[in-house]
């Protein structure tokens, strides 16, 4: 069933920044029955430059002006998380569907306000957890669903990253480690993707607990987190995230263990999946990542709005990631 009274999705983007250069916005002009109608950024010079380089016909420096543009019938919020709730409420009040970047908001409570506003207005709310539509993550889910590793027992996440060069001298430009803007630090930015995909592949997480610390003292947000989780299915899990490790110990690995084997993969690496089973030993599956990494999800969202497909990511699923992040860091 169509969710907009139109045959074409005409996107307006609020906060057209780095993520819109390659990852997301160009796909809106490549998907059938979809086009980018207008962009907004408070810096006039930068928004004019973006519109010119990407051949976008309209640009604004005021969010309200873009939201009320009658040509725009769907809003993509690409700002940092601190503005997601306010802009979602405005878009919903204008009766326009919302596609919002991840994490969905700074807090779980803000997520609930966004869901309530969209429900009241009768407009869909989608969250940019695009791994739910990428081919190698769909392969992981299909292997689990087909029973390739038997009954899933537990999952283990390990992520180590060394501090980025120049991080301390450029803190004012790095909103990802400012909890007032992002809700948390790199844990919120990166673990949200990992936990959301596991929600997609294994079902919702029922309980989560953890310990977080700021060991290196380079910025305000946590840089070390350990966690234990229990899925509604009974699957157990653990994770550790260190954002002040050595370069030589850098790691991005998730392993899903079952009664007959395991699946391992990098969440942020190349599109490779490793399957190891008692019967067939180790096998590898390699997938090419799309140039515009959000394009498969945007295709499904456009289809969801036009009644030809279903989106695997919405406000309810996106809010669960925020809830688990908060439970782990004890907020």
Protein backbone atom coordinates (compact mmCIF):
# COMPACT_ATOMS: atom_id res chain seq x y z
CA UNK A 1 0.00 0.00 0.00
CA UNK A 2 1.32 3.44 -0.95
CA UNK A 3 2.32 5.65 1.96
CA UNK A 4 2.44 8.91 0.01
CA UNK A 5 -0.14 10.34 -2.35
CA UNK A 6 2.28 10.51 -5.25
CA UNK A 7 4.06 8.35 -7.84
CA UNK A 8 7.50 9.82 -7.20
CA UNK A 9 9.57 10.46 -4.07
CA UNK A 10 11.07 13.96 -4.15
CA UNK A 11 13.64 14.23 -1.38
CA UNK A 12 14.63 17.28 0.58
CA UNK A 13 17.80 16.94 2.66
CA UNK A 14 18.37 18.75 5.95
CA UNK A 15 22.06 19.08 6.83
CA UNK A 16 23.69 18.21 3.54
CA UNK A 17 27.23 17.32 4.70
CA UNK A 18 29.87 14.65 4.25
CA UNK A 19 27.54 11.63 4.36
CA UNK A 20 25.62 13.13 1.43
CA UNK A 21 28.63 13.38 -0.88
CA UNK A 22 28.82 9.68 -1.85
CA UNK A 23 27.16 7.39 0.70
CA UNK A 24 23.53 8.45 0.50
CA UNK A 25 22.19 11.46 -1.43
CA UNK A 26 23.45 10.60 -4.95
CA UNK A 27 21.49 7.34 -4.72
CA UNK A 28 18.28 9.35 -4.41
CA UNK A 29 18.78 10.45 -8.03
CA UNK A 30 19.60 6.91 -9.22
CA UNK A 31 16.69 4.97 -7.74
CA UNK A 32 13.62 4.64 -9.97
CA UNK A 33 10.78 7.06 -9.15
CA UNK A 34 13.04 9.05 -6.83
CA UNK A 35 14.90 12.33 -7.17
CA UNK A 36 16.67 14.89 -5.04
CA UNK A 37 14.58 18.07 -5.13
CA UNK A 38 16.21 20.35 -2.56
CA UNK A 39 19.03 20.54 -0.03
CA UNK A 40 19.56 22.63 3.09
CA UNK A 41 22.60 23.65 5.13
CA UNK A 42 23.00 26.70 7.35
CA UNK A 43 26.22 27.73 5.59
CA UNK A 44 25.08 29.40 2.36
CA UNK A 45 28.40 29.07 0.58
CA UNK A 46 28.59 25.33 1.30
CA UNK A 47 24.97 24.54 0.41
CA UNK A 48 25.22 26.47 -2.86
CA UNK A 49 28.41 24.59 -3.67
CA UNK A 50 26.77 21.22 -2.92
CA UNK A 51 23.69 22.05 -5.03
CA UNK A 52 25.87 23.14 -7.94
CA UNK A 53 28.16 20.09 -7.84
CA UNK A 54 25.27 17.60 -7.51
CA UNK A 55 22.84 19.42 -9.87
CA UNK A 56 20.20 19.92 -7.18
CA UNK A 57 17.66 22.50 -8.39
CA UNK A 58 16.87 24.15 -5.02
CA UNK A 59 18.85 25.00 -1.91
CA UNK A 60 17.95 26.55 1.43
CA UNK A 61 19.76 27.77 4.57
CA UNK A 62 16.63 27.41 6.74
CA UNK A 63 15.21 23.99 7.62
CA UNK A 64 11.64 25.28 7.92
CA UNK A 65 11.76 26.68 4.40
CA UNK A 66 12.78 23.31 2.94
CA UNK A 67 10.23 21.38 4.99
CA UNK A 68 7.37 23.57 3.76
CA UNK A 69 8.47 23.42 0.10
CA UNK A 70 5.42 21.82 -1.59
CA UNK A 71 7.59 20.04 -4.14
CA UNK A 72 9.41 18.10 -1.41
CA UNK A 73 7.39 15.07 -0.28
CA UNK A 74 9.99 13.22 1.85
CA UNK A 75 12.63 14.51 4.27
CA UNK A 76 16.11 13.06 4.79
CA UNK A 77 17.68 14.32 8.04
CA UNK A 78 21.47 14.04 7.66
CA UNK A 79 22.47 16.28 10.56
CA UNK A 80 24.33 15.05 13.68
CA UNK A 81 22.00 13.33 16.20
CA UNK A 82 21.35 16.39 18.42
CA UNK A 83 18.99 17.83 15.78
CA UNK A 84 17.17 14.64 14.78
CA UNK A 85 14.25 14.92 17.18
CA UNK A 86 13.47 18.58 16.51
CA UNK A 87 13.61 18.19 12.73
CA UNK A 88 11.64 14.93 12.75
CA UNK A 89 8.85 16.58 14.74
CA UNK A 90 8.76 19.47 12.26
CA UNK A 91 8.69 17.16 9.23
CA UNK A 92 5.98 15.00 10.79
CA UNK A 93 3.89 18.09 11.58
CA UNK A 94 4.17 19.00 7.90
CA UNK A 95 2.89 15.52 6.98
CA UNK A 96 6.12 14.38 5.33
CA UNK A 97 7.84 10.98 5.74
CA UNK A 98 11.23 11.02 7.46
CA UNK A 99 14.47 9.17 6.73
CA UNK A 100 16.89 9.97 9.55
CA UNK A 101 20.59 9.22 9.95
CA UNK A 102 21.86 6.92 12.70
CA UNK A 103 22.02 6.83 15.64
CA UNK A 104 18.34 7.72 15.48
CA UNK A 105 18.71 10.36 18.22
CA UNK A 106 20.86 11.29 21.22
CA UNK A 107 18.66 9.30 23.60
CA UNK A 108 16.06 6.54 23.63
CA UNK A 109 13.54 9.01 25.06
CA UNK A 110 14.03 11.27 22.04
CA UNK A 111 13.48 8.25 19.77
CA UNK A 112 10.14 7.64 21.48
CA UNK A 113 9.07 11.24 20.88
CA UNK A 114 10.00 10.91 17.20
CA UNK A 115 7.99 7.69 16.84
CA UNK A 116 4.98 9.21 18.61
CA UNK A 117 5.06 12.33 16.42
CA UNK A 118 5.23 10.32 13.20
CA UNK A 119 2.50 7.93 14.38
CA UNK A 120 0.26 10.88 15.26
CA UNK A 121 0.87 12.48 11.87
CA UNK A 122 0.46 9.17 10.05
CA UNK A 123 3.82 9.41 8.30
CA UNK A 124 6.52 6.70 8.04
CA UNK A 125 9.81 7.01 9.91
CA UNK A 126 12.93 5.24 8.61
CA UNK A 127 16.44 5.05 10.07
CA UNK A 128 19.67 4.78 8.04
CA UNK A 129 20.78 1.40 9.33
CA UNK A 130 21.65 0.44 5.78
CA UNK A 131 23.47 -2.79 6.61
CA UNK A 132 20.02 -4.38 6.77
CA UNK A 133 19.98 -4.16 2.95
CA UNK A 134 23.62 -4.80 1.96
CA UNK A 135 24.22 -8.12 0.13
CA UNK A 136 26.86 -9.61 2.43
CA UNK A 137 24.80 -8.88 5.54
CA UNK A 138 21.77 -10.44 3.86
CA UNK A 139 23.98 -13.49 3.18
CA UNK A 140 24.82 -13.70 6.89
CA UNK A 141 21.14 -13.56 7.80
CA UNK A 142 20.23 -16.18 5.18
CA UNK A 143 22.95 -18.54 6.48
CA UNK A 144 21.53 -18.21 9.98
CA UNK A 145 17.93 -18.64 8.79
CA UNK A 146 18.88 -21.71 6.73
CA UNK A 147 20.49 -23.34 9.75
CA UNK A 148 24.00 -23.39 8.25
CA UNK A 149 25.52 -23.10 11.74
CA UNK A 150 22.74 -24.99 13.52
CA UNK A 151 21.12 -23.38 16.53
CA UNK A 152 22.73 -20.04 17.36
CA UNK A 153 24.39 -20.14 20.78
CA UNK A 154 26.26 -16.87 21.24
CA UNK A 155 27.81 -13.91 19.47
CA UNK A 156 31.05 -12.09 20.18
CA UNK A 157 31.99 -8.57 18.99
CA UNK A 158 35.51 -7.20 19.25
CA UNK A 159 36.53 -3.77 18.00
CA UNK A 160 39.87 -2.06 18.58
CA UNK A 161 40.83 1.25 17.01
CA UNK A 162 43.80 3.52 17.62
CA UNK A 163 43.04 7.24 18.12
CA UNK A 164 43.01 9.07 14.81
CA UNK A 165 45.98 11.39 14.13
CA UNK A 166 45.13 15.00 14.96
CA UNK A 167 42.08 13.99 16.99
CA UNK A 168 42.89 16.14 20.02
CA UNK A 169 43.82 19.24 18.01
CA UNK A 170 40.59 18.98 15.98
CA UNK A 171 38.05 18.18 18.68
CA UNK A 172 35.92 21.21 17.79
CA UNK A 173 35.33 19.71 14.34
CA UNK A 174 34.69 16.14 15.56
CA UNK A 175 31.11 16.01 16.81
CA UNK A 176 31.27 12.19 16.96
CA UNK A 177 33.12 12.33 20.31
CA UNK A 178 30.94 15.08 21.79
CA UNK A 179 28.06 13.51 23.79
CA UNK A 180 26.15 16.82 23.75
CA UNK A 181 25.90 16.48 19.96
CA UNK A 182 26.15 12.74 19.30
CA UNK A 183 24.75 11.22 22.49
CA UNK A 184 28.04 9.40 23.06
CA UNK A 185 31.36 8.80 21.32
CA UNK A 186 32.65 6.33 18.75
CA UNK A 187 30.79 3.56 20.61
CA UNK A 188 27.50 5.23 19.73
CA UNK A 189 28.65 5.92 16.18
CA UNK A 190 29.94 2.43 15.35
CA UNK A 191 28.43 -0.08 17.80
CA UNK A 192 24.96 1.16 16.84
CA UNK A 193 25.50 -0.39 13.38
CA UNK A 194 26.76 -3.66 14.87
CA UNK A 195 23.94 -3.99 17.38
CA UNK A 196 21.28 -3.00 14.85
CA UNK A 197 22.43 -5.68 12.41
CA UNK A 198 22.36 -8.32 15.15
CA UNK A 199 18.83 -7.17 15.99
CA UNK A 200 17.99 -7.78 12.31
CA UNK A 201 19.77 -11.15 12.11
CA UNK A 202 19.02 -12.66 15.52
CA UNK A 203 15.99 -10.72 16.74
CA UNK A 204 15.68 -8.05 19.42
CA UNK A 205 18.01 -7.89 22.41
CA UNK A 206 16.06 -8.36 25.65
CA UNK A 207 18.62 -7.26 28.21
CA UNK A 208 21.99 -5.54 28.04
CA UNK A 209 24.50 -4.42 30.61
CA UNK A 210 28.05 -3.19 30.52
CA UNK A 211 30.88 -1.07 31.84
CA UNK A 212 32.27 1.99 30.12
CA UNK A 213 35.28 4.17 30.84
CA UNK A 214 37.37 6.97 29.44
CA UNK A 215 40.86 5.51 29.73
CA UNK A 216 42.92 7.73 27.42
CA UNK A 217 41.23 11.01 28.37
CA UNK A 218 41.44 12.40 24.84
CA UNK A 219 37.85 13.63 24.78
CA UNK A 220 34.71 13.69 26.89
CA UNK A 221 32.98 10.53 25.64
CA UNK A 222 33.72 6.94 26.66
CA UNK A 223 36.58 5.25 24.77
CA UNK A 224 36.34 1.76 26.31
CA UNK A 225 33.20 -0.34 26.64
CA UNK A 226 32.53 -3.97 27.50
CA UNK A 227 29.05 -5.49 27.31
CA UNK A 228 26.94 -8.57 27.87
CA UNK A 229 23.58 -9.03 26.13
CA UNK A 230 20.73 -11.53 25.99
CA UNK A 231 18.50 -11.77 22.92
CA UNK A 232 14.79 -12.54 23.21
CA UNK A 233 15.57 -15.86 21.47
CA UNK A 234 17.88 -16.89 24.31
CA UNK A 235 21.08 -16.27 22.36
CA UNK A 236 23.76 -14.67 24.55
CA UNK A 237 26.42 -12.21 23.49
CA UNK A 238 29.39 -10.18 24.58
CA UNK A 239 31.41 -7.33 23.14
CA UNK A 240 34.36 -5.08 23.76
CA UNK A 241 35.10 -1.77 22.08
CA UNK A 242 38.42 0.01 22.62
CA UNK A 243 39.00 3.30 20.80
CA UNK A 244 42.44 3.92 22.31
CA UNK A 245 44.25 0.72 21.33
CA UNK A 246 47.48 0.37 19.37
CA UNK A 247 47.46 0.40 15.57
CA UNK A 248 48.91 -3.10 15.53
CA UNK A 249 45.94 -4.44 17.51
CA UNK A 250 43.25 -2.83 15.34
CA UNK A 251 40.35 -5.24 14.95
CA UNK A 252 36.78 -5.35 13.66
CA UNK A 253 35.41 -8.84 14.14
CA UNK A 254 32.04 -10.32 14.93
CA UNK A 255 31.63 -14.09 15.30
CA UNK A 256 28.24 -15.76 15.54
CA UNK A 257 28.59 -19.24 17.03
CA UNK A 258 26.08 -22.03 16.48
CA UNK A 259 25.72 -25.71 17.38
CA UNK A 260 27.25 -26.76 14.02
CA UNK A 261 29.64 -23.94 13.14
CA UNK A 262 30.24 -20.23 13.10
CA UNK A 263 30.02 -17.13 10.90
CA UNK A 264 32.60 -14.33 11.14
CA UNK A 265 32.71 -10.94 9.44
CA UNK A 266 33.88 -7.34 9.67
CA UNK A 267 31.08 -4.83 10.13
CA UNK A 268 33.04 -1.95 8.57
CA UNK A 269 35.40 -3.82 6.26
CA UNK A 270 35.15 -5.39 2.82
CA UNK A 271 32.07 -7.42 1.99
CA UNK A 272 33.51 -10.78 3.04
CA UNK A 273 31.81 -13.47 5.10
CA UNK A 274 33.51 -16.59 6.50
CA UNK A 275 31.51 -19.73 7.30
CA UNK A 276 33.09 -22.57 9.27
CA UNK A 277 31.07 -25.75 9.86
CA UNK A 278 31.69 -29.24 11.19
CA UNK A 279 30.54 -30.86 7.92
CA UNK A 280 32.11 -28.65 5.24
CA UNK A 281 34.97 -26.83 6.93
CA UNK A 282 35.74 -23.19 6.14
CA UNK A 283 34.14 -21.37 3.20
CA UNK A 284 34.34 -17.72 2.19
CA UNK A 285 31.81 -15.49 0.44
CA UNK A 286 32.92 -12.21 -1.14
CA UNK A 287 30.62 -9.37 -2.14
CA UNK A 288 31.34 -5.99 -3.74
CA UNK A 289 30.16 -3.00 -1.76
CA UNK A 290 27.97 -0.52 -3.69
CA UNK A 291 29.54 2.86 -4.46
CA UNK A 292 26.62 4.56 -2.74
CA UNK A 293 26.49 2.36 0.35
CA UNK A 294 22.96 3.41 1.36
CA UNK A 295 21.46 2.79 -2.08
CA UNK A 296 19.99 -0.69 -1.42
CA UNK A 297 18.16 0.60 1.67
CA UNK A 298 17.04 3.79 -0.10
CA UNK A 299 15.61 1.63 -2.91
CA UNK A 300 13.55 -0.29 -0.35
CA UNK A 301 12.40 2.91 1.36
CA UNK A 302 11.28 4.42 -1.95
CA UNK A 303 9.46 1.15 -2.65
CA UNK A 304 7.93 1.21 0.82
CA UNK A 305 6.61 4.73 0.23
CA UNK A 306 5.24 3.81 -3.22
CA UNK A 307 3.77 0.48 -2.13
CA UNK A 308 6.11 -1.84 -4.04
CA UNK A 309 8.53 -2.97 -1.27
CA UNK A 310 9.03 -3.06 2.48
CA UNK A 311 11.74 -1.25 4.40
CA UNK A 312 13.65 -3.43 6.89
CA UNK A 313 14.55 -0.40 9.03
CA UNK A 314 12.05 1.86 10.75
CA UNK A 315 11.68 3.97 13.86
CA UNK A 316 10.88 1.05 16.14
CA UNK A 317 13.91 -1.01 15.10
CA UNK A 318 16.16 2.05 15.12
CA UNK A 319 15.06 3.03 18.60
CA UNK A 320 16.03 -0.39 19.95
CA UNK A 321 19.68 0.33 19.10
CA UNK A 322 19.52 3.50 21.20
CA UNK A 323 17.97 1.59 24.11
CA UNK A 324 20.73 -1.04 24.06
CA UNK A 325 23.49 1.59 23.81
CA UNK A 326 22.09 3.34 26.87
CA UNK A 327 21.73 0.10 28.83
CA UNK A 328 25.34 -0.83 28.11
CA UNK A 329 26.91 2.48 29.11
CA UNK A 330 24.53 2.86 32.06
CA UNK A 331 22.76 6.07 31.07
